[in-house]
N, C-alpha and C. Protein backbone atom coordinates (compact mmCIF):
# COMPACT_ATOMS: atom_id res chain seq x y z
N MET A 1 51.48 -171.06 -167.06
CA MET A 1 51.39 -170.04 -166.45
C MET A 1 51.05 -170.34 -164.95
N PHE A 2 50.26 -170.90 -164.35
CA PHE A 2 50.12 -171.29 -162.74
C PHE A 2 51.46 -171.97 -162.26
N SER A 3 51.88 -172.59 -162.90
CA SER A 3 53.55 -172.62 -162.24
C SER A 3 54.31 -171.52 -162.08
N ARG A 4 54.58 -170.76 -162.86
CA ARG A 4 55.07 -169.38 -162.66
C ARG A 4 54.58 -168.57 -161.62
N GLN A 5 53.47 -168.51 -161.67
CA GLN A 5 52.54 -167.79 -160.82
C GLN A 5 52.95 -168.41 -159.07
N LEU A 6 52.92 -169.79 -159.13
CA LEU A 6 53.17 -170.12 -158.06
C LEU A 6 54.45 -170.30 -157.73
N MET A 7 55.34 -170.22 -158.36
CA MET A 7 56.61 -169.91 -158.02
C MET A 7 56.75 -168.58 -157.61
N ALA A 8 56.20 -167.56 -158.00
CA ALA A 8 56.33 -165.99 -157.97
C ALA A 8 55.86 -165.89 -156.29
N SER A 9 54.82 -166.47 -155.92
CA SER A 9 54.15 -166.23 -154.75
C SER A 9 54.97 -167.35 -153.46
N VAL A 10 55.20 -168.02 -153.78
CA VAL A 10 55.40 -169.23 -152.44
C VAL A 10 57.31 -169.36 -152.74
N PRO A 11 57.77 -168.08 -152.26
CA PRO A 11 59.57 -168.25 -152.36
C PRO A 11 59.73 -169.43 -151.80
N SER A 12 59.90 -170.15 -150.79
CA SER A 12 60.13 -171.19 -150.34
C SER A 12 60.27 -172.40 -151.33
N ILE A 13 59.30 -172.60 -152.74
CA ILE A 13 59.76 -173.50 -153.41
C ILE A 13 61.11 -173.31 -153.88
N GLU A 14 61.86 -174.44 -154.17
CA GLU A 14 63.18 -174.01 -154.49
C GLU A 14 63.08 -175.21 -156.15
N ARG A 15 62.15 -175.54 -156.40
CA ARG A 15 61.89 -176.61 -157.62
C ARG A 15 60.93 -177.11 -157.61
N LEU A 16 60.50 -176.67 -158.79
CA LEU A 16 58.88 -177.28 -159.54
C LEU A 16 59.22 -177.60 -160.94
N THR A 17 58.50 -179.06 -161.06
CA THR A 17 58.54 -179.07 -162.48
C THR A 17 57.11 -179.13 -162.92
N CYS A 18 56.76 -178.57 -164.40
CA CYS A 18 55.33 -178.67 -164.62
C CYS A 18 55.72 -179.57 -165.75
N ILE A 19 54.41 -180.34 -166.16
CA ILE A 19 54.22 -181.28 -166.96
C ILE A 19 53.14 -180.93 -167.82
N GLU A 20 53.64 -181.03 -169.21
CA GLU A 20 52.73 -180.35 -170.74
C GLU A 20 52.60 -181.71 -171.35
N PRO A 21 51.64 -182.19 -171.66
CA PRO A 21 51.02 -183.26 -172.86
C PRO A 21 51.64 -183.00 -174.12
N ASN A 22 51.13 -181.40 -174.31
CA ASN A 22 52.06 -181.13 -175.63
C ASN A 22 53.01 -180.72 -175.75
N CYS A 23 53.67 -181.18 -177.00
CA CYS A 23 55.50 -180.86 -177.02
C CYS A 23 55.41 -179.52 -177.40
N ASP A 24 54.75 -178.96 -178.44
CA ASP A 24 54.88 -177.47 -178.56
C ASP A 24 54.88 -176.77 -177.65
N MET A 25 53.82 -176.99 -176.78
CA MET A 25 53.30 -175.80 -175.59
C MET A 25 54.12 -176.09 -174.74
N ALA A 26 54.73 -177.41 -174.61
CA ALA A 26 56.20 -177.56 -173.53
C ALA A 26 57.09 -176.99 -173.65
N ALA A 27 57.67 -176.53 -174.81
CA ALA A 27 58.50 -176.00 -175.79
C ALA A 27 58.26 -174.22 -175.27
N VAL A 28 56.91 -173.66 -175.24
CA VAL A 28 56.66 -172.72 -175.10
C VAL A 28 56.70 -172.18 -174.14
N ALA A 29 56.35 -172.99 -172.94
CA ALA A 29 56.38 -172.94 -171.29
C ALA A 29 58.04 -173.04 -171.03
N LYS A 30 58.35 -173.88 -171.53
CA LYS A 30 60.15 -173.90 -170.99
C LYS A 30 60.64 -172.57 -171.58
N GLU A 31 60.08 -172.16 -172.43
CA GLU A 31 61.05 -170.71 -173.19
C GLU A 31 60.54 -169.63 -172.33
N ARG A 32 59.20 -169.53 -171.92
CA ARG A 32 58.35 -168.64 -171.00
C ARG A 32 59.34 -168.36 -169.54
N SER A 33 59.32 -169.65 -169.08
CA SER A 33 60.06 -169.97 -167.65
C SER A 33 61.69 -169.67 -167.54
N ALA A 34 62.51 -169.28 -168.32
CA ALA A 34 63.94 -169.72 -168.29
C ALA A 34 64.20 -168.88 -167.21
N ALA A 35 63.23 -167.50 -167.07
CA ALA A 35 63.95 -166.60 -165.77
C ALA A 35 63.87 -167.21 -164.74
N PHE A 36 62.88 -167.91 -164.51
CA PHE A 36 62.44 -168.67 -162.89
C PHE A 36 63.18 -169.92 -162.68
N ARG A 37 64.18 -170.17 -162.01
CA ARG A 37 65.48 -170.50 -161.55
C ARG A 37 64.49 -171.50 -160.33
N GLY A 38 64.65 -173.47 -160.83
CA GLY A 38 64.10 -174.56 -160.25
C GLY A 38 62.91 -174.56 -160.86
N LEU A 39 62.67 -173.95 -161.91
CA LEU A 39 61.40 -174.24 -162.50
C LEU A 39 61.58 -175.31 -163.68
N ASP A 40 61.45 -176.34 -163.91
CA ASP A 40 61.36 -177.29 -165.30
C ASP A 40 60.38 -177.26 -165.82
N VAL A 41 60.31 -177.83 -167.10
CA VAL A 41 59.25 -178.23 -167.86
C VAL A 41 59.68 -179.68 -168.73
N LEU A 42 58.62 -180.38 -168.20
CA LEU A 42 58.77 -182.03 -168.96
C LEU A 42 57.24 -182.01 -169.95
N ALA A 43 57.65 -182.97 -170.68
CA ALA A 43 56.66 -183.30 -171.57
C ALA A 43 55.87 -184.55 -170.99
N GLY A 44 54.72 -184.62 -171.24
CA GLY A 44 54.21 -185.87 -170.62
C GLY A 44 52.91 -185.97 -169.84
N PHE A 45 52.23 -186.70 -169.27
CA PHE A 45 50.86 -187.07 -168.95
C PHE A 45 50.57 -187.23 -167.62
N ALA A 46 49.36 -186.38 -167.54
CA ALA A 46 48.81 -186.63 -166.21
C ALA A 46 49.04 -188.00 -165.36
N GLU A 47 48.45 -189.00 -166.02
CA GLU A 47 48.16 -190.65 -165.99
C GLU A 47 49.28 -191.23 -165.72
N THR A 48 50.32 -190.55 -166.28
CA THR A 48 51.50 -191.10 -166.27
C THR A 48 52.95 -190.44 -166.12
N LEU A 49 52.94 -189.73 -164.90
CA LEU A 49 53.81 -188.54 -164.58
C LEU A 49 55.11 -189.50 -164.60
N PRO A 50 56.04 -188.55 -165.29
CA PRO A 50 57.57 -189.09 -165.58
C PRO A 50 58.26 -188.30 -164.03
N LEU A 51 58.04 -188.98 -163.07
CA LEU A 51 58.49 -188.69 -162.00
C LEU A 51 58.73 -189.69 -161.14
N PRO A 52 59.83 -189.88 -160.41
CA PRO A 52 60.10 -190.79 -159.42
C PRO A 52 59.26 -191.23 -158.15
N ASP A 53 59.25 -192.44 -157.70
CA ASP A 53 58.35 -192.52 -156.83
C ASP A 53 58.36 -191.63 -155.14
N HIS A 54 57.53 -191.42 -155.15
CA HIS A 54 57.85 -190.42 -153.36
C HIS A 54 58.85 -189.49 -153.83
N SER A 55 58.64 -189.04 -154.54
CA SER A 55 59.60 -187.54 -155.35
C SER A 55 59.22 -186.18 -154.71
N CYS A 56 57.66 -186.40 -154.45
CA CYS A 56 57.43 -184.85 -154.74
C CYS A 56 56.46 -184.22 -153.26
N GLU A 57 56.57 -183.38 -152.82
CA GLU A 57 55.71 -182.66 -151.18
C GLU A 57 54.27 -181.86 -152.33
N LEU A 58 54.31 -181.57 -153.53
CA LEU A 58 53.22 -181.22 -153.98
C LEU A 58 52.86 -181.70 -155.47
N VAL A 59 51.66 -182.25 -155.72
CA VAL A 59 51.47 -182.37 -157.03
C VAL A 59 49.61 -181.13 -157.32
N THR A 60 49.84 -180.60 -157.95
CA THR A 60 49.11 -179.53 -158.24
C THR A 60 48.41 -179.40 -159.36
N ALA A 61 47.08 -179.34 -160.03
CA ALA A 61 46.70 -178.88 -161.34
C ALA A 61 45.84 -177.92 -160.91
N ALA A 62 45.76 -176.83 -162.16
CA ALA A 62 44.87 -175.90 -161.75
C ALA A 62 43.90 -175.58 -163.14
N THR A 63 42.63 -175.67 -163.38
CA THR A 63 41.57 -175.74 -164.04
C THR A 63 42.51 -176.67 -165.28
N ALA A 64 42.41 -177.95 -164.63
CA ALA A 64 42.74 -178.92 -165.42
C ALA A 64 43.04 -180.34 -165.44
N ALA A 65 42.51 -180.54 -163.94
CA ALA A 65 42.15 -182.20 -163.98
C ALA A 65 40.49 -182.67 -164.45
N ASN A 66 39.91 -181.86 -164.80
CA ASN A 66 38.94 -181.98 -164.97
C ASN A 66 38.85 -183.02 -166.75
N TRP A 67 40.19 -182.62 -167.44
CA TRP A 67 40.07 -183.19 -168.55
C TRP A 67 41.11 -184.51 -168.51
N PHE A 68 41.66 -185.03 -166.84
CA PHE A 68 42.66 -186.19 -166.56
C PHE A 68 41.89 -187.38 -166.85
N ASP A 69 42.07 -188.41 -166.81
CA ASP A 69 41.54 -189.80 -166.46
C ASP A 69 41.60 -189.85 -165.25
N ARG A 70 40.86 -189.44 -164.33
CA ARG A 70 41.17 -188.94 -162.98
C ARG A 70 41.59 -190.32 -161.87
N PRO A 71 40.97 -191.27 -162.15
CA PRO A 71 41.28 -192.61 -161.49
C PRO A 71 42.71 -193.08 -161.74
N LEU A 72 43.14 -192.72 -162.64
CA LEU A 72 44.70 -193.02 -163.21
C LEU A 72 45.54 -191.92 -162.53
N PHE A 73 45.25 -190.75 -162.49
CA PHE A 73 45.73 -189.46 -161.94
C PHE A 73 45.94 -189.20 -160.88
N TYR A 74 44.86 -190.01 -159.87
CA TYR A 74 45.19 -190.23 -158.60
C TYR A 74 45.72 -191.26 -158.17
N GLN A 75 46.06 -192.04 -158.56
CA GLN A 75 46.84 -193.35 -159.02
C GLN A 75 48.28 -192.65 -158.25
N GLU A 76 48.78 -191.98 -159.65
CA GLU A 76 49.95 -191.48 -159.87
C GLU A 76 50.24 -190.37 -158.87
N ALA A 77 49.49 -189.82 -158.99
CA ALA A 77 49.70 -188.33 -157.62
C ALA A 77 49.81 -189.15 -156.25
N ALA A 78 49.17 -190.22 -155.66
CA ALA A 78 49.80 -190.62 -154.56
C ALA A 78 50.92 -191.78 -154.77
N ARG A 79 51.18 -192.28 -155.95
CA ARG A 79 52.89 -192.58 -156.27
C ARG A 79 53.99 -191.45 -156.04
N VAL A 80 53.58 -190.62 -156.68
CA VAL A 80 55.12 -189.64 -156.82
C VAL A 80 55.05 -188.73 -155.32
N LEU A 81 54.16 -188.74 -154.51
CA LEU A 81 54.15 -188.01 -153.38
C LEU A 81 54.70 -188.42 -152.32
N LYS A 82 55.16 -187.63 -151.21
CA LYS A 82 55.91 -188.41 -150.48
C LYS A 82 55.14 -188.88 -149.38
N PRO A 83 55.24 -189.21 -148.44
CA PRO A 83 54.52 -189.45 -147.03
C PRO A 83 53.66 -188.40 -146.59
N SER A 84 52.20 -188.19 -146.55
CA SER A 84 51.90 -187.35 -145.98
C SER A 84 52.27 -185.96 -147.24
N GLY A 85 52.50 -185.76 -148.42
CA GLY A 85 52.61 -184.93 -149.29
C GLY A 85 51.32 -184.34 -149.60
N THR A 86 51.43 -183.39 -149.96
CA THR A 86 49.49 -182.51 -150.47
C THR A 86 49.28 -183.11 -152.19
N LEU A 87 48.39 -183.49 -152.41
CA LEU A 87 47.48 -183.30 -154.00
C LEU A 87 46.72 -182.01 -153.97
N LEU A 88 46.77 -180.39 -154.68
CA LEU A 88 45.89 -179.93 -154.82
C LEU A 88 45.67 -179.43 -155.96
N LEU A 89 44.06 -179.77 -156.27
CA LEU A 89 43.14 -179.22 -157.26
C LEU A 89 42.41 -178.43 -157.45
N LEU A 90 42.96 -177.00 -157.99
CA LEU A 90 42.01 -175.43 -158.04
C LEU A 90 41.05 -176.00 -159.35
N GLN A 91 40.22 -175.47 -158.92
CA GLN A 91 39.00 -175.03 -160.29
C GLN A 91 38.37 -173.88 -160.09
N ASN A 92 38.57 -172.62 -161.13
CA ASN A 92 37.87 -171.53 -161.37
C ASN A 92 36.72 -171.87 -161.81
N LYS A 93 35.35 -171.65 -161.40
CA LYS A 93 34.18 -171.45 -162.33
C LYS A 93 33.41 -170.06 -161.76
N HIS A 94 32.20 -170.01 -162.86
CA HIS A 94 31.84 -168.85 -163.10
C HIS A 94 30.52 -168.33 -162.21
N ARG A 95 30.45 -168.07 -161.07
CA ARG A 95 29.12 -167.88 -160.20
C ARG A 95 27.83 -167.42 -161.09
N HIS A 96 27.49 -168.25 -162.29
CA HIS A 96 25.83 -167.98 -162.98
C HIS A 96 24.91 -167.32 -161.81
N GLU A 97 24.82 -168.17 -161.29
CA GLU A 97 23.61 -168.08 -160.50
C GLU A 97 23.71 -167.13 -159.52
N GLU A 98 24.46 -166.07 -159.74
CA GLU A 98 24.52 -164.82 -159.29
C GLU A 98 24.48 -163.75 -160.17
N SER A 99 24.72 -163.52 -161.19
CA SER A 99 25.21 -162.75 -162.42
C SER A 99 24.34 -163.29 -163.66
N ALA A 100 23.04 -162.06 -163.54
CA ALA A 100 22.55 -162.42 -165.14
C ALA A 100 23.41 -162.44 -166.02
N PHE A 101 24.11 -161.47 -166.47
CA PHE A 101 25.00 -161.71 -167.32
C PHE A 101 25.65 -162.94 -167.82
N LEU A 102 26.35 -163.58 -166.41
CA LEU A 102 27.11 -164.80 -166.68
C LEU A 102 25.81 -165.76 -166.78
N GLY A 103 24.62 -165.80 -166.59
CA GLY A 103 23.76 -166.72 -166.46
C GLY A 103 23.37 -166.81 -168.21
N ASP A 104 23.07 -165.40 -168.67
CA ASP A 104 22.82 -165.38 -170.15
C ASP A 104 23.95 -166.17 -170.82
N PHE A 105 25.08 -166.05 -170.32
CA PHE A 105 26.31 -166.26 -171.32
C PHE A 105 26.30 -168.25 -171.25
N VAL A 106 25.81 -168.64 -169.83
CA VAL A 106 25.64 -170.18 -170.00
C VAL A 106 24.93 -170.65 -170.87
N SER A 107 23.70 -169.85 -171.24
CA SER A 107 22.30 -170.26 -171.80
C SER A 107 23.04 -170.53 -173.70
N LEU A 108 23.79 -169.30 -173.48
CA LEU A 108 24.17 -169.07 -175.12
C LEU A 108 24.76 -170.51 -174.98
N GLN A 109 25.77 -171.29 -174.50
CA GLN A 109 26.75 -172.05 -174.59
C GLN A 109 25.57 -173.29 -174.55
N GLU A 110 24.55 -173.51 -173.55
CA GLU A 110 23.96 -174.86 -174.01
C GLU A 110 23.52 -174.96 -175.35
N ARG A 111 22.75 -173.76 -175.95
CA ARG A 111 22.00 -173.46 -177.22
C ARG A 111 23.63 -173.80 -178.35
N TYR A 112 24.49 -173.68 -178.20
CA TYR A 112 25.24 -174.16 -179.00
C TYR A 112 26.29 -174.96 -179.40
N ILE A 113 26.52 -175.52 -177.82
CA ILE A 113 27.58 -176.22 -177.74
C ILE A 113 27.01 -177.71 -177.48
N PRO A 114 27.00 -178.78 -178.38
CA PRO A 114 26.11 -180.53 -178.18
C PRO A 114 26.76 -180.82 -177.09
N GLY A 115 25.90 -181.20 -176.08
CA GLY A 115 26.05 -181.70 -174.64
C GLY A 115 26.57 -180.99 -173.67
N PHE A 116 27.31 -179.67 -174.10
CA PHE A 116 27.28 -178.92 -172.95
C PHE A 116 26.33 -178.40 -172.11
N ARG A 117 26.60 -178.48 -170.46
CA ARG A 117 25.46 -178.21 -169.30
C ARG A 117 26.04 -177.03 -168.30
N ARG A 118 25.26 -176.32 -167.97
CA ARG A 118 26.13 -175.67 -166.98
C ARG A 118 26.64 -176.30 -165.99
N ASP A 119 27.59 -175.86 -165.15
CA ASP A 119 28.34 -176.75 -164.14
C ASP A 119 29.05 -177.66 -163.96
N HIS A 120 29.01 -178.22 -165.78
CA HIS A 120 29.69 -179.56 -166.52
C HIS A 120 31.13 -178.99 -167.00
N TYR A 121 31.73 -179.93 -166.82
CA TYR A 121 33.27 -179.03 -167.78
C TYR A 121 33.84 -179.96 -168.91
N SER A 122 34.76 -179.82 -169.70
CA SER A 122 34.93 -180.95 -170.91
C SER A 122 35.60 -181.84 -170.07
N ASP A 123 35.40 -183.16 -170.74
CA ASP A 123 36.22 -184.33 -169.87
C ASP A 123 37.25 -185.52 -170.51
N PHE A 124 37.64 -186.11 -169.99
CA PHE A 124 38.68 -186.79 -170.70
C PHE A 124 38.16 -187.78 -172.13
N TRP A 125 36.65 -188.06 -171.94
CA TRP A 125 36.26 -188.76 -172.85
C TRP A 125 35.31 -188.06 -174.26
N GLY A 126 36.00 -186.54 -174.16
CA GLY A 126 35.36 -185.62 -175.29
C GLY A 126 33.99 -185.19 -175.44
N GLY A 127 33.41 -185.74 -173.95
CA GLY A 127 32.18 -184.91 -173.44
C GLY A 127 32.09 -183.72 -172.60
N TYR A 128 31.02 -184.28 -171.46
CA TYR A 128 31.45 -183.05 -170.64
C TYR A 128 30.26 -183.55 -169.21
N GLY A 129 31.58 -183.53 -167.86
CA GLY A 129 31.03 -184.16 -167.00
C GLY A 129 31.22 -182.82 -165.64
N LYS A 130 30.81 -183.44 -164.45
CA LYS A 130 30.70 -182.79 -163.03
C LYS A 130 32.21 -182.54 -162.54
N ALA A 131 32.73 -183.22 -162.47
CA ALA A 131 34.26 -183.26 -161.92
C ALA A 131 33.83 -183.13 -160.70
N ASP A 132 33.46 -184.00 -159.97
CA ASP A 132 33.33 -183.29 -158.14
C ASP A 132 34.37 -184.41 -157.30
N PHE A 133 35.55 -183.58 -157.28
CA PHE A 133 37.27 -183.87 -157.01
C PHE A 133 36.98 -184.45 -155.40
N GLU A 134 35.88 -183.74 -154.43
CA GLU A 134 35.83 -183.79 -153.36
C GLU A 134 35.28 -185.17 -152.98
N ALA A 135 34.32 -185.69 -153.97
CA ALA A 135 33.73 -187.03 -153.58
C ALA A 135 34.67 -187.89 -154.28
N GLU A 136 34.94 -187.76 -155.21
CA GLU A 136 36.14 -188.70 -155.95
C GLU A 136 37.34 -188.95 -154.71
N LEU A 137 37.86 -188.09 -154.12
CA LEU A 137 39.27 -188.64 -153.12
C LEU A 137 38.63 -188.87 -151.95
N ARG A 138 37.63 -189.00 -151.14
CA ARG A 138 36.56 -189.45 -150.52
C ARG A 138 36.81 -190.74 -150.46
N SER A 139 36.41 -191.11 -151.68
CA SER A 139 36.36 -192.57 -151.70
C SER A 139 37.40 -193.71 -152.11
N ARG A 140 39.08 -192.55 -151.87
CA ARG A 140 40.09 -193.29 -152.46
C ARG A 140 40.49 -193.74 -150.86
N HIS A 141 41.52 -194.85 -150.78
CA HIS A 141 42.21 -195.00 -149.46
C HIS A 141 43.55 -194.05 -149.59
N ASP A 142 44.28 -194.10 -150.43
CA ASP A 142 45.41 -194.12 -151.15
C ASP A 142 45.88 -192.25 -150.68
N LEU A 143 44.60 -191.66 -150.90
CA LEU A 143 44.60 -190.25 -150.75
C LEU A 143 43.58 -189.76 -149.71
N VAL A 144 44.07 -189.24 -148.78
CA VAL A 144 43.00 -189.16 -147.37
C VAL A 144 43.38 -187.83 -147.09
N ALA A 145 42.64 -187.23 -145.87
CA ALA A 145 42.45 -185.86 -145.42
C ALA A 145 42.00 -184.85 -146.26
N VAL A 146 40.86 -184.91 -146.83
CA VAL A 146 40.24 -183.89 -147.81
C VAL A 146 39.70 -182.74 -146.84
N GLU A 147 40.13 -182.10 -147.97
CA GLU A 147 39.38 -180.74 -147.35
C GLU A 147 39.40 -179.81 -148.25
N ARG A 148 38.39 -178.81 -148.36
CA ARG A 148 37.94 -177.93 -149.45
C ARG A 148 37.35 -176.73 -148.68
N TYR A 149 37.91 -175.77 -149.73
CA TYR A 149 37.70 -174.39 -149.76
C TYR A 149 37.52 -173.36 -151.01
N LYS A 150 36.41 -172.27 -150.66
CA LYS A 150 36.01 -171.48 -151.52
C LYS A 150 36.52 -170.09 -151.41
N LEU A 151 36.98 -169.41 -152.97
CA LEU A 151 36.82 -168.25 -152.69
C LEU A 151 36.70 -167.54 -153.88
N GLU A 152 35.49 -166.37 -153.58
CA GLU A 152 34.87 -165.74 -154.28
C GLU A 152 35.79 -164.43 -154.80
N TRP A 153 35.70 -164.06 -155.83
CA TRP A 153 35.85 -162.88 -156.42
C TRP A 153 35.59 -162.44 -157.71
N ARG A 154 36.13 -160.90 -157.81
CA ARG A 154 35.22 -160.55 -159.25
C ARG A 154 36.29 -159.60 -160.02
N GLN A 155 36.33 -159.96 -161.33
CA GLN A 155 37.33 -159.51 -162.15
C GLN A 155 36.05 -158.30 -163.21
N THR A 156 36.75 -157.42 -163.70
CA THR A 156 36.22 -156.31 -164.31
C THR A 156 36.95 -156.76 -165.84
N THR A 157 36.34 -156.71 -166.81
CA THR A 157 36.74 -156.64 -168.05
C THR A 157 35.96 -155.54 -168.85
N THR A 158 37.05 -155.38 -170.03
CA THR A 158 36.53 -154.40 -171.31
C THR A 158 35.44 -155.71 -172.02
N ALA A 159 34.79 -155.08 -172.99
CA ALA A 159 33.81 -156.13 -173.70
C ALA A 159 34.81 -156.52 -174.80
N GLU A 160 35.85 -156.04 -175.13
CA GLU A 160 36.68 -156.36 -176.02
C GLU A 160 37.33 -157.72 -175.38
N GLN A 161 38.08 -157.62 -174.19
CA GLN A 161 38.72 -158.59 -173.60
C GLN A 161 37.90 -160.10 -173.43
N PHE A 162 36.67 -159.45 -173.20
CA PHE A 162 35.69 -160.86 -173.11
C PHE A 162 35.58 -161.44 -174.14
N ARG A 163 35.25 -160.77 -175.37
CA ARG A 163 35.22 -161.72 -176.82
C ARG A 163 36.62 -162.21 -176.84
N GLY A 164 37.65 -162.01 -176.29
CA GLY A 164 39.16 -162.32 -176.91
C GLY A 164 39.02 -164.19 -175.50
N TYR A 165 38.59 -163.62 -174.46
CA TYR A 165 38.51 -164.92 -173.74
C TYR A 165 37.47 -165.81 -174.21
N CYS A 166 36.22 -165.54 -174.80
CA CYS A 166 35.53 -166.34 -175.86
C CYS A 166 36.06 -167.12 -176.73
N GLN A 167 37.55 -166.56 -177.48
CA GLN A 167 37.77 -167.06 -178.69
C GLN A 167 38.75 -168.77 -177.70
N SER A 168 38.82 -168.74 -176.38
CA SER A 168 39.84 -169.43 -176.40
C SER A 168 39.22 -170.67 -175.02
N GLY A 169 37.52 -170.48 -175.01
CA GLY A 169 37.02 -171.17 -173.96
C GLY A 169 36.12 -171.91 -175.00
N HIS A 170 35.19 -172.68 -174.13
CA HIS A 170 34.20 -173.86 -174.87
C HIS A 170 33.55 -173.32 -175.85
N LEU A 171 33.30 -171.96 -176.16
CA LEU A 171 32.88 -171.44 -177.41
C LEU A 171 33.18 -171.59 -178.88
N LYS A 172 34.72 -172.53 -178.73
CA LYS A 172 35.53 -172.70 -179.75
C LYS A 172 34.59 -173.79 -180.62
N LYS A 173 34.13 -174.72 -179.78
CA LYS A 173 33.14 -175.43 -180.47
C LYS A 173 32.12 -174.98 -180.95
N ALA A 174 31.22 -174.16 -180.42
CA ALA A 174 30.37 -173.57 -181.21
C ALA A 174 30.61 -172.82 -182.68
N ILE A 175 32.12 -172.08 -182.54
CA ILE A 175 32.09 -171.29 -183.52
C ILE A 175 32.68 -172.57 -184.74
N ALA A 176 33.22 -173.75 -184.32
CA ALA A 176 33.46 -174.63 -185.07
C ALA A 176 32.40 -175.43 -185.84
N ARG A 177 31.14 -175.20 -184.95
CA ARG A 177 29.38 -175.85 -185.28
C ARG A 177 29.33 -174.78 -186.00
N SER A 178 28.67 -173.64 -185.57
CA SER A 178 27.95 -172.70 -186.15
C SER A 178 28.50 -171.87 -186.89
N GLY A 179 29.67 -171.58 -187.14
CA GLY A 179 30.26 -170.28 -187.21
C GLY A 179 30.51 -169.05 -186.91
N ALA A 180 31.55 -168.75 -186.77
CA ALA A 180 32.01 -167.31 -186.17
C ALA A 180 31.18 -166.16 -186.24
N VAL A 181 30.59 -165.86 -187.48
CA VAL A 181 29.77 -165.02 -187.42
C VAL A 181 28.49 -164.82 -186.50
N THR A 182 27.94 -166.50 -186.69
CA THR A 182 26.94 -166.42 -185.70
C THR A 182 27.03 -165.96 -184.08
N ILE A 183 28.18 -166.80 -183.78
CA ILE A 183 28.94 -166.88 -182.66
C ILE A 183 28.93 -165.17 -182.04
N ALA A 184 29.68 -164.59 -182.81
CA ALA A 184 29.77 -163.28 -182.30
C ALA A 184 28.91 -162.12 -182.29
N LYS A 185 27.97 -162.39 -183.07
CA LYS A 185 26.83 -161.85 -183.30
C LYS A 185 25.79 -162.34 -181.59
N GLU A 186 26.20 -163.33 -181.53
CA GLU A 186 25.34 -163.72 -180.14
C GLU A 186 26.37 -163.19 -179.16
N VAL A 187 27.79 -163.15 -178.92
CA VAL A 187 28.54 -162.79 -178.17
C VAL A 187 28.10 -161.14 -178.26
N ASP A 188 28.24 -160.11 -178.91
CA ASP A 188 27.97 -158.58 -179.28
C ASP A 188 26.89 -158.45 -178.77
N ALA A 189 25.41 -159.26 -178.76
CA ALA A 189 24.39 -158.88 -178.54
C ALA A 189 23.88 -159.14 -176.83
N LEU A 190 24.74 -160.35 -176.34
CA LEU A 190 25.05 -160.52 -174.78
C LEU A 190 25.85 -159.32 -174.09
N LEU A 191 26.64 -158.83 -174.65
CA LEU A 191 27.19 -157.63 -174.44
C LEU A 191 26.63 -156.28 -173.81
N ASP A 192 25.98 -155.86 -175.49
CA ASP A 192 25.05 -154.72 -175.53
C ASP A 192 23.72 -154.95 -173.91
N ARG A 193 23.64 -156.14 -173.94
CA ARG A 193 22.66 -156.35 -172.88
C ARG A 193 23.31 -155.60 -171.48
N HIS A 194 24.38 -156.08 -171.32
CA HIS A 194 24.75 -156.34 -169.97
C HIS A 194 26.27 -155.44 -169.82
N GLN A 195 26.81 -154.81 -170.72
CA GLN A 195 27.89 -153.87 -170.47
C GLN A 195 27.75 -152.68 -169.78
N ASP A 196 28.33 -151.93 -169.23
CA ASP A 196 28.30 -150.77 -168.17
C ASP A 196 28.57 -149.63 -169.56
N ALA A 197 28.15 -148.35 -169.03
CA ALA A 197 28.32 -147.00 -170.40
C ALA A 197 29.56 -146.94 -170.43
N SER A 198 30.82 -147.52 -170.07
CA SER A 198 32.19 -147.63 -169.80
C SER A 198 32.37 -148.47 -170.80
N GLY A 199 31.37 -149.35 -171.28
CA GLY A 199 31.74 -150.79 -171.82
C GLY A 199 32.74 -152.02 -171.30
N TYR A 200 31.89 -152.35 -170.08
CA TYR A 200 33.31 -153.01 -168.95
C TYR A 200 32.01 -154.01 -168.54
N VAL A 201 32.22 -155.38 -168.50
CA VAL A 201 31.77 -156.15 -167.92
C VAL A 201 31.96 -156.82 -166.49
N SER A 202 31.37 -156.94 -165.74
CA SER A 202 31.74 -157.75 -164.32
C SER A 202 31.78 -159.34 -164.35
N VAL A 203 32.81 -160.09 -163.98
CA VAL A 203 32.87 -161.49 -164.25
C VAL A 203 32.72 -162.23 -163.09
N ASP A 204 31.78 -162.93 -162.21
CA ASP A 204 31.99 -163.20 -161.03
C ASP A 204 32.59 -164.37 -160.77
N TRP A 205 33.63 -164.91 -160.48
CA TRP A 205 34.38 -166.06 -159.97
C TRP A 205 34.08 -166.91 -158.79
N LEU A 206 34.27 -167.88 -158.91
CA LEU A 206 34.33 -169.08 -157.68
C LEU A 206 35.83 -169.68 -157.75
N THR A 207 36.73 -169.59 -156.89
CA THR A 207 38.36 -170.26 -157.05
C THR A 207 37.82 -171.39 -155.88
N ASP A 208 37.90 -173.17 -156.59
CA ASP A 208 37.35 -173.88 -155.87
C ASP A 208 38.78 -174.90 -155.47
N LEU A 209 39.33 -175.19 -154.34
CA LEU A 209 40.37 -175.43 -153.82
C LEU A 209 39.75 -177.05 -152.97
N VAL A 210 40.23 -178.24 -153.62
CA VAL A 210 40.62 -179.84 -152.87
C VAL A 210 41.72 -179.80 -153.08
N LEU A 211 42.04 -180.39 -151.29
CA LEU A 211 43.04 -180.81 -151.15
C LEU A 211 43.11 -182.26 -150.01
N SER A 212 44.35 -182.90 -150.71
CA SER A 212 44.06 -184.11 -149.80
C SER A 212 45.69 -184.40 -149.90
N ARG A 213 45.95 -185.52 -149.13
CA ARG A 213 47.58 -185.97 -148.51
C ARG A 213 47.64 -187.38 -148.97
N ALA A 214 49.11 -187.67 -149.17
CA ALA A 214 48.88 -189.21 -149.29
C ALA A 214 49.62 -189.49 -148.05
N ARG A 215 49.03 -191.15 -147.90
CA ARG A 215 49.20 -191.67 -146.74
C ARG A 215 50.95 -191.75 -146.60
């Protein structure tokens, strides 16, 4: 989806290659992207990008780099980027420290997901980690000129839409461990406490962008 959003919002992009590690998902992405001229979808991995040396002006990952073996990914990004090409990592985070609703939601996850802690992400090894992209990139010599930007925004969603979001996020592990009925009751109780009279909740987000450039 991010690849299509990127092409739609940046008309100057003439060619974009999306790398998807799951072959079935790659086929779905290719079908959904058919209307986007210049958008290709390849099956592959971030740690072994199926792209030639110095062939890209931009390498980007949206709320995905936490899953990578990042030292290998950074090495690959430096390999495929043209000189002064840009690496852009985008991560969306809940601003739970500013929201009673999201604070309760992250506490729910901490109770039911083994090893989960707030401000941590699923990682390459099956656990959870901090994913400090800025610090990691500043320690490298092949990627330089590190910059960081933060954008705060709010999403208003129905309680039912939020339940759907829970089915696709971290709570899948909680459902597998404690059962769908138990987790549904917890989410319902959370929404009962925080939704407004019209059945809406506000989700406060932080989009965290970290950029660097190839030498």
